[in-house]
Protein backbone atom coordinates (compact mmCIF):
# COMPACT_ATOMS: atom_id res chain seq x y z
CA MET A 1 -0.05 0.09 0.02
CA LEU A 2 1.35 3.39 -0.91
CA PHE A 3 0.65 6.68 0.84
CA LYS A 4 1.28 10.09 -0.46
CA LYS A 5 3.49 12.21 1.68
CA ASN A 6 1.47 13.87 4.39
CA LYS A 7 1.33 17.60 3.67
CA LEU A 8 0.00 18.34 7.14
CA ASN A 9 2.12 20.83 9.00
CA ARG A 10 3.02 18.55 11.92
CA GLN A 11 3.77 21.63 14.09
CA GLU A 12 -0.01 22.32 13.98
CA ALA A 13 -0.97 18.68 14.66
CA ILE A 14 -1.04 19.04 18.47
CA VAL A 15 -4.65 19.97 18.91
CA LYS A 16 -5.74 22.77 21.06
CA VAL A 17 -7.40 22.22 24.40
CA ASP A 18 -11.19 22.84 24.69
CA THR A 19 -11.81 21.79 21.15
CA PRO A 20 -13.81 18.87 19.67
CA GLU A 21 -10.54 17.42 18.51
CA TYR A 22 -9.06 17.40 22.01
CA GLN A 23 -12.23 15.84 23.39
CA SER A 24 -11.61 12.92 20.91
CA TYR A 25 -8.38 12.21 22.64
CA ILE A 26 -10.02 12.38 26.07
CA ASP A 27 -12.35 9.68 24.81
CA ILE A 28 -9.51 7.60 23.66
CA LYS A 29 -7.78 7.98 27.08
CA ILE A 30 -11.01 6.98 28.83
CA ASN A 31 -11.37 3.81 26.64
CA LEU A 32 -7.81 2.94 27.27
CA ASP A 33 -8.45 3.18 31.01
CA PHE A 34 -11.40 0.89 30.60
CA THR A 35 -9.46 -1.75 28.74
CA SER A 36 -6.71 -1.78 31.30
CA ILE A 37 -8.99 -1.66 34.42
CA ASP A 38 -7.72 -5.02 35.72
CA LYS A 39 -4.02 -4.30 35.27
CA LYS A 40 -1.46 -1.51 35.40
CA VAL A 41 -0.40 -0.28 31.95
CA LYS A 42 2.53 2.10 31.79
CA VAL A 43 3.92 1.45 28.23
CA TYR A 44 1.72 2.00 25.28
CA GLY A 45 2.83 1.23 21.73
CA PHE A 46 1.27 3.03 18.79
CA THR A 47 1.49 1.28 15.54
CA SER A 48 -0.23 1.04 12.02
CA THR A 49 -0.14 -1.11 9.05
CA MET A 50 2.00 1.31 6.98
CA PRO A 51 3.41 4.83 7.25
CA GLY A 52 1.10 7.87 7.11
CA GLU A 53 -1.92 6.51 9.03
CA GLY A 54 -1.73 8.79 12.16
CA LYS A 55 0.12 6.79 14.74
CA SER A 56 2.58 9.39 15.69
CA SER A 57 -0.06 12.19 15.97
CA THR A 58 -2.20 9.95 18.06
CA ALA A 59 0.66 9.22 20.43
CA CYS A 60 1.64 12.94 20.75
CA ASN A 61 -1.88 14.09 21.36
CA LEU A 62 -2.66 11.44 23.80
CA ALA A 63 0.50 12.55 25.77
CA GLN A 64 -1.00 16.00 26.01
CA VAL A 65 -4.19 14.59 27.59
CA LEU A 66 -2.29 12.51 30.12
CA ALA A 67 -0.10 15.52 30.96
CA ASN A 68 -3.13 17.68 31.62
CA GLU A 69 -4.20 15.07 34.18
CA GLU A 70 -0.96 15.75 35.95
CA LYS A 71 0.75 12.67 34.64
CA LYS A 72 4.44 12.69 33.73
CA VAL A 73 4.81 11.29 30.15
CA VAL A 74 7.66 10.54 27.82
CA ILE A 75 7.41 9.71 24.22
CA LEU A 76 10.07 7.41 22.83
CA ASP A 77 10.42 7.48 19.09
CA LEU A 78 11.47 3.96 17.91
CA ASP A 79 10.42 4.49 14.34
CA LEU A 80 14.07 4.61 13.50
CA ARG A 81 13.65 4.47 9.65
CA ARG A 82 11.05 7.28 9.56
CA PRO A 83 11.00 9.32 12.78
CA THR A 84 8.46 12.12 12.92
CA THR A 85 7.57 12.97 16.56
CA ASN A 86 10.18 15.74 16.80
CA TYR A 87 8.27 17.74 14.10
CA PHE A 88 5.17 17.80 16.24
CA PHE A 89 7.03 19.56 19.04
CA LYS A 90 9.29 21.80 16.85
CA LEU A 91 12.34 19.98 18.09
CA PRO A 92 15.49 18.66 16.27
CA ASN A 93 16.23 14.99 15.78
CA ASP A 94 19.92 15.70 16.40
CA VAL A 95 20.46 13.19 19.12
CA GLY A 96 18.26 10.52 20.62
CA VAL A 97 17.87 6.84 21.37
CA SER A 98 20.51 5.58 18.87
CA ASP A 99 23.09 8.01 20.45
CA TYR A 100 22.26 6.95 24.00
CA LEU A 101 22.51 3.22 23.20
CA ALA A 102 25.79 3.82 21.45
CA LYS A 103 26.94 5.14 24.90
CA GLU A 104 27.84 8.45 23.35
CA LEU A 105 25.48 10.43 25.57
CA THR A 106 23.74 10.24 28.82
CA LEU A 107 20.02 9.92 29.26
CA ASP A 108 19.80 13.57 30.37
CA ASP A 109 21.47 14.48 27.17
CA VAL A 110 18.80 12.90 24.94
CA ILE A 111 15.67 13.74 26.91
CA LYS A 112 14.05 16.83 25.31
CA HIS A 113 11.46 18.87 27.08
CA THR A 114 8.46 19.82 24.89
CA PHE A 115 6.36 23.00 24.98
CA ILE A 116 3.74 20.81 26.89
CA ASP A 117 4.36 20.62 30.60
CA ASN A 118 5.02 17.12 31.82
CA VAL A 119 5.66 15.77 28.27
CA ASP A 120 9.22 14.82 27.41
CA LEU A 121 10.55 13.28 24.15
CA ILE A 122 13.41 11.03 23.25
CA THR A 123 13.80 11.22 19.46
CA ALA A 124 15.21 8.50 17.28
CA GLY A 125 18.61 10.26 17.03
CA THR A 126 21.42 9.83 14.64
CA HIS A 127 20.49 7.73 11.59
CA THR A 128 21.70 4.05 11.78
CA PRO A 129 21.88 1.63 8.92
CA TYR A 130 21.11 -1.24 11.29
CA PRO A 131 17.95 -0.29 13.24
CA GLN A 132 17.18 -3.84 14.11
CA LYS A 133 20.38 -4.17 16.17
CA ILE A 134 19.12 -1.29 18.27
CA LEU A 135 15.63 -2.59 18.65
CA VAL A 136 16.73 -6.03 19.88
CA SER A 137 19.44 -4.77 22.17
CA GLU A 138 19.54 -5.31 25.90
CA GLY A 139 20.30 -1.59 26.20
CA LEU A 140 16.91 -0.63 24.81
CA LYS A 141 15.21 -2.94 27.31
CA LYS A 142 17.10 -1.37 30.11
CA LEU A 143 16.22 2.08 28.83
CA VAL A 144 12.41 1.34 28.78
CA LEU A 145 12.64 -0.07 32.29
CA LYS A 146 14.43 3.10 33.41
CA LEU A 147 11.83 5.26 31.84
CA LYS A 148 9.02 3.33 33.57
CA GLU A 149 10.63 4.25 36.81
CA MET A 150 10.92 7.97 35.89
CA TYR A 151 7.59 8.56 34.21
CA ASP A 152 3.82 7.62 34.75
CA TYR A 153 3.49 6.64 31.09
CA VAL A 154 5.84 5.72 28.39
CA LEU A 155 4.33 6.13 24.89
CA ILE A 156 6.35 4.47 22.20
CA ASP A 157 5.92 5.45 18.54
CA THR A 158 6.73 2.10 16.96
CA PRO A 159 7.40 1.22 13.32
CA PRO A 160 4.48 0.34 11.01
CA ILE A 161 3.87 -3.37 11.24
CA LEU A 162 3.80 -4.26 7.56
CA ALA A 163 6.68 -1.86 6.42
CA SER A 164 9.41 -4.03 8.04
CA SER A 165 9.99 -6.55 10.91
CA ASP A 166 11.15 -3.75 13.19
CA MET A 167 7.96 -3.42 15.26
CA ILE A 168 7.86 -7.16 16.10
CA ASN A 169 11.33 -6.89 17.65
CA ILE A 170 10.08 -4.48 20.32
CA SER A 171 6.69 -5.99 21.00
CA SER A 172 7.98 -7.42 24.40
CA LEU A 173 8.65 -3.90 25.60
CA VAL A 174 5.02 -2.85 25.24
CA ASP A 175 2.33 -3.47 27.72
CA GLU A 176 -0.57 -2.75 25.31
CA PHE A 177 -0.69 -1.63 21.61
CA VAL A 178 -2.99 0.86 20.03
CA MET A 179 -3.67 0.18 16.39
CA VAL A 180 -4.11 3.23 14.20
CA CYS A 181 -5.95 3.02 10.96
CA TYR A 182 -6.56 5.64 8.27
CA TYR A 183 -10.31 5.59 7.69
CA GLY A 184 -11.20 4.59 4.05
CA VAL A 185 -7.52 4.09 3.17
CA THR A 186 -6.12 1.31 5.25
CA LYS A 187 -7.04 -2.03 3.45
CA LYS A 188 -8.87 -4.72 5.41
CA THR A 189 -6.38 -7.37 4.29
CA ASP A 190 -3.48 -5.27 5.55
CA PHE A 191 -5.25 -4.65 8.86
CA ASP A 192 -6.03 -8.39 9.29
CA GLU A 193 -2.41 -9.26 8.62
CA ALA A 194 -1.10 -6.65 11.05
CA ILE A 195 -3.40 -7.95 13.84
CA LYS A 196 -2.31 -11.54 13.01
CA ARG A 197 1.34 -10.51 13.35
CA LEU A 198 0.71 -8.76 16.71
CA LYS A 199 -1.18 -11.66 18.08
CA ASN A 200 1.67 -14.02 17.03
CA THR A 201 3.95 -12.16 19.35
CA ASN A 202 1.30 -12.55 22.16
CA SER A 203 0.90 -8.76 22.26
CA ASP A 204 -2.15 -7.25 23.99
CA ILE A 205 -4.09 -4.96 21.74
CA ALA A 206 -5.98 -2.21 23.66
CA GLY A 207 -8.06 -1.29 20.67
CA ILE A 208 -8.23 0.67 17.46
CA VAL A 209 -8.15 4.36 16.53
CA PHE A 210 -9.55 5.45 13.30
CA THR A 211 -8.07 8.66 11.84
CA LYS A 212 -9.62 11.05 9.18
CA VAL A 213 -13.12 9.89 9.85
CA PRO A 214 -15.64 11.89 7.83
CA LYS A 215 -18.20 13.84 9.82
CA LYS A 216 -21.13 11.76 8.51
CA LYS A 217 -19.39 8.52 9.63
CA ALA A 218 -18.28 9.68 12.99
CA THR A 219 -19.71 7.90 16.06
CA ASN A 220 -20.12 11.26 17.91
CA SER A 221 -19.61 14.96 17.50
CA TYR A 222 -16.12 14.84 18.89
CA SER A 223 -14.72 12.61 16.17
CA SER A 224 -16.00 14.57 13.21
CA TYR A 225 -12.65 16.27 12.48
CA SER A 226 -10.11 13.56 12.31
CA TYR A 227 -10.27 11.04 15.08
CA SER A 228 -12.55 8.26 16.26
CA TYR A 229 -12.37 5.96 19.31
CA VAL A 230 -10.64 2.97 20.87
CA LYS A 231 -12.80 -0.10 20.74
CA ASN A 232 -12.89 -2.45 23.51
CA LYS A 233 -10.44 -5.25 22.84
CA ASN A 234 -13.15 -7.83 23.08
CA GLY A 235 -14.59 -6.35 19.87
CA LEU A 236 -11.49 -7.10 17.84
């Protein structure tokens, strides 16, 4: 499946508080709380079938909702082949997780404070020709454990499932996955294959977020702009 390059100005993709779009993310957060009512979830992974479906924007906007509830949140960009989260926060991708794991920098060196209070970001960092080596490293596992101690939530922007095998390599780091689909664009066959691959790794799937839902198709007034809801995982 091919996606045209998203022309959306990512610096404007963090929605404003007290808007219908922001309420959409509150709804997502409420549904995530419901699906994890019987266990403590600290690490959420945001993935999709292919690039361009909205997983990064979903993670970044959910971080804002959590932060506004006085939660301390860090976003970890592990989409090493196509990192984008830094654009949302007007930050450079000069150093990040790859530099930290190469033992070139300390954790304090790579944690970036965003313009949202209580939301920090660790970008992908210096480009590496061997992303899989980073994603399967013991150093990455230790990093996630350290972040769990430092923050209330760790939101991982993971690679798309069908674009490479990268995402599968980090599935063990995630408590629950949120599957993001571009309404009317994501193919059902691709979605089914992505879910199959997630389940083959024994990953827990919290639910689905549909992006770019037309107003007439939206389930409520809040989702008329771009976003829909997280389904109960029993409905998958």
